[in-house]
Amino acid sequence: MTQATDRVWSSYQNEIFKDMAEGKGNTVIRAFAGCAKTTTCVEGLIRLPSSLNIAVMCFNTAIRDELTEKLKAYGNIQVKGFH
């Protein structure tokens, strides 16, 4: 698992990255507004092997557009919206 940035990640975030890479099923991140959920999600996705085809499903167009911009350099990650 390769770290994409030089940022220092919390133990909680590192556990999320580990679950995304090694876990079974879905990873759920529950936190208050402004707690870096999107940043953590993006970092976790970037750390996954580039050989994987990844679909990210978003509940609204604003987050879809934000994630599309942040992940545009990664051709194996597709961001889609439910609506």
Protein backbone atom coordinates (compact mmCIF):
# COMPACT_ATOMS: atom_id res chain seq x y z
CA MET A 1 0.00 0.00 0.00
CA THR A 2 1.69 3.18 -1.20
CA GLN A 3 1.01 6.50 0.45
CA ALA A 4 0.01 9.12 -2.12
CA THR A 5 0.93 12.22 -0.09
CA ASP A 6 3.40 13.34 2.58
CA ARG A 7 0.57 14.09 5.00
CA VAL A 8 0.68 12.53 8.47
CA TRP A 9 -2.40 10.32 8.84
CA SER A 10 -4.13 9.47 12.11
CA SER A 11 -4.38 5.92 13.42
CA TYR A 12 -8.10 5.96 12.49
CA GLN A 13 -7.31 6.98 8.92
CA ASN A 14 -4.61 4.32 8.64
CA GLU A 15 -7.14 1.72 9.78
CA ILE A 16 -9.51 2.92 7.06
CA PHE A 17 -6.74 2.62 4.46
CA LYS A 18 -5.99 -0.89 5.70
CA ASP A 19 -9.65 -1.90 5.54
CA MET A 20 -9.98 -0.49 2.03
CA ALA A 21 -6.96 -2.49 0.89
CA GLU A 22 -7.45 -5.72 2.83
CA GLY A 23 -11.02 -5.79 4.11
CA LYS A 24 -13.97 -7.73 2.82
CA GLY A 25 -17.07 -5.93 1.60
CA ASN A 26 -17.57 -2.19 2.04
CA THR A 27 -15.69 0.34 4.12
CA VAL A 28 -17.91 2.85 5.93
CA ILE A 29 -16.52 6.14 7.24
CA ARG A 30 -18.64 7.88 9.87
CA ALA A 31 -17.51 11.29 11.08
CA PHE A 32 -18.70 14.84 11.62
CA ALA A 33 -18.57 17.51 8.92
CA GLY A 34 -15.07 18.80 8.31
CA CYS A 35 -13.30 15.71 9.65
CA ALA A 36 -11.56 14.88 6.34
CA LYS A 37 -13.85 12.08 5.17
CA THR A 38 -13.44 13.05 1.52
CA THR A 39 -9.67 13.48 1.89
CA THR A 40 -9.42 10.09 3.58
CA CYS A 41 -11.56 8.43 0.93
CA VAL A 42 -9.48 9.93 -1.91
CA GLU A 43 -6.21 8.88 -0.27
CA GLY A 44 -7.52 5.35 0.30
CA LEU A 45 -8.62 5.05 -3.33
CA ILE A 46 -5.28 6.32 -4.63
CA ARG A 47 -3.46 3.74 -2.49
CA LEU A 48 -5.33 0.82 -4.07
CA PRO A 49 -3.52 -1.08 -6.85
CA SER A 50 -3.82 0.63 -10.23
CA SER A 51 -4.65 -2.78 -11.73
CA LEU A 52 -8.11 -2.59 -10.08
CA ASN A 53 -11.07 -1.03 -11.86
CA ILE A 54 -12.80 1.05 -9.19
CA ALA A 55 -16.26 2.60 -9.25
CA VAL A 56 -17.10 5.35 -6.77
CA MET A 57 -20.82 6.03 -6.38
CA CYS A 58 -21.90 9.45 -5.08
CA PHE A 59 -25.27 10.52 -3.69
CA ASN A 60 -25.19 14.03 -5.15
CA THR A 61 -23.71 15.88 -8.09
CA ALA A 62 -21.59 18.23 -5.98
CA ILE A 63 -19.55 15.43 -4.40
CA ARG A 64 -19.48 13.60 -7.74
CA ASP A 65 -17.95 16.65 -9.39
CA GLU A 66 -15.48 17.18 -6.52
CA LEU A 67 -14.28 13.57 -6.57
CA THR A 68 -14.12 13.50 -10.37
CA GLU A 69 -11.74 16.47 -10.24
CA LYS A 70 -9.60 15.02 -7.44
CA LEU A 71 -9.34 11.59 -9.08
CA LYS A 72 -9.06 12.58 -12.75
CA ALA A 73 -5.40 11.53 -12.94
CA TYR A 74 -6.31 7.95 -12.04
CA GLY A 75 -7.74 6.19 -15.08
CA ASN A 76 -8.75 3.10 -13.11
CA ILE A 77 -11.17 5.06 -10.89
CA GLN A 78 -14.57 6.05 -12.26
CA VAL A 79 -16.80 8.42 -10.32
CA LYS A 80 -20.54 8.18 -10.92
CA GLY A 81 -23.68 9.64 -9.36
CA PHE A 82 -26.92 7.96 -8.32
CA HIS A 83 -28.96 10.94 -9.56
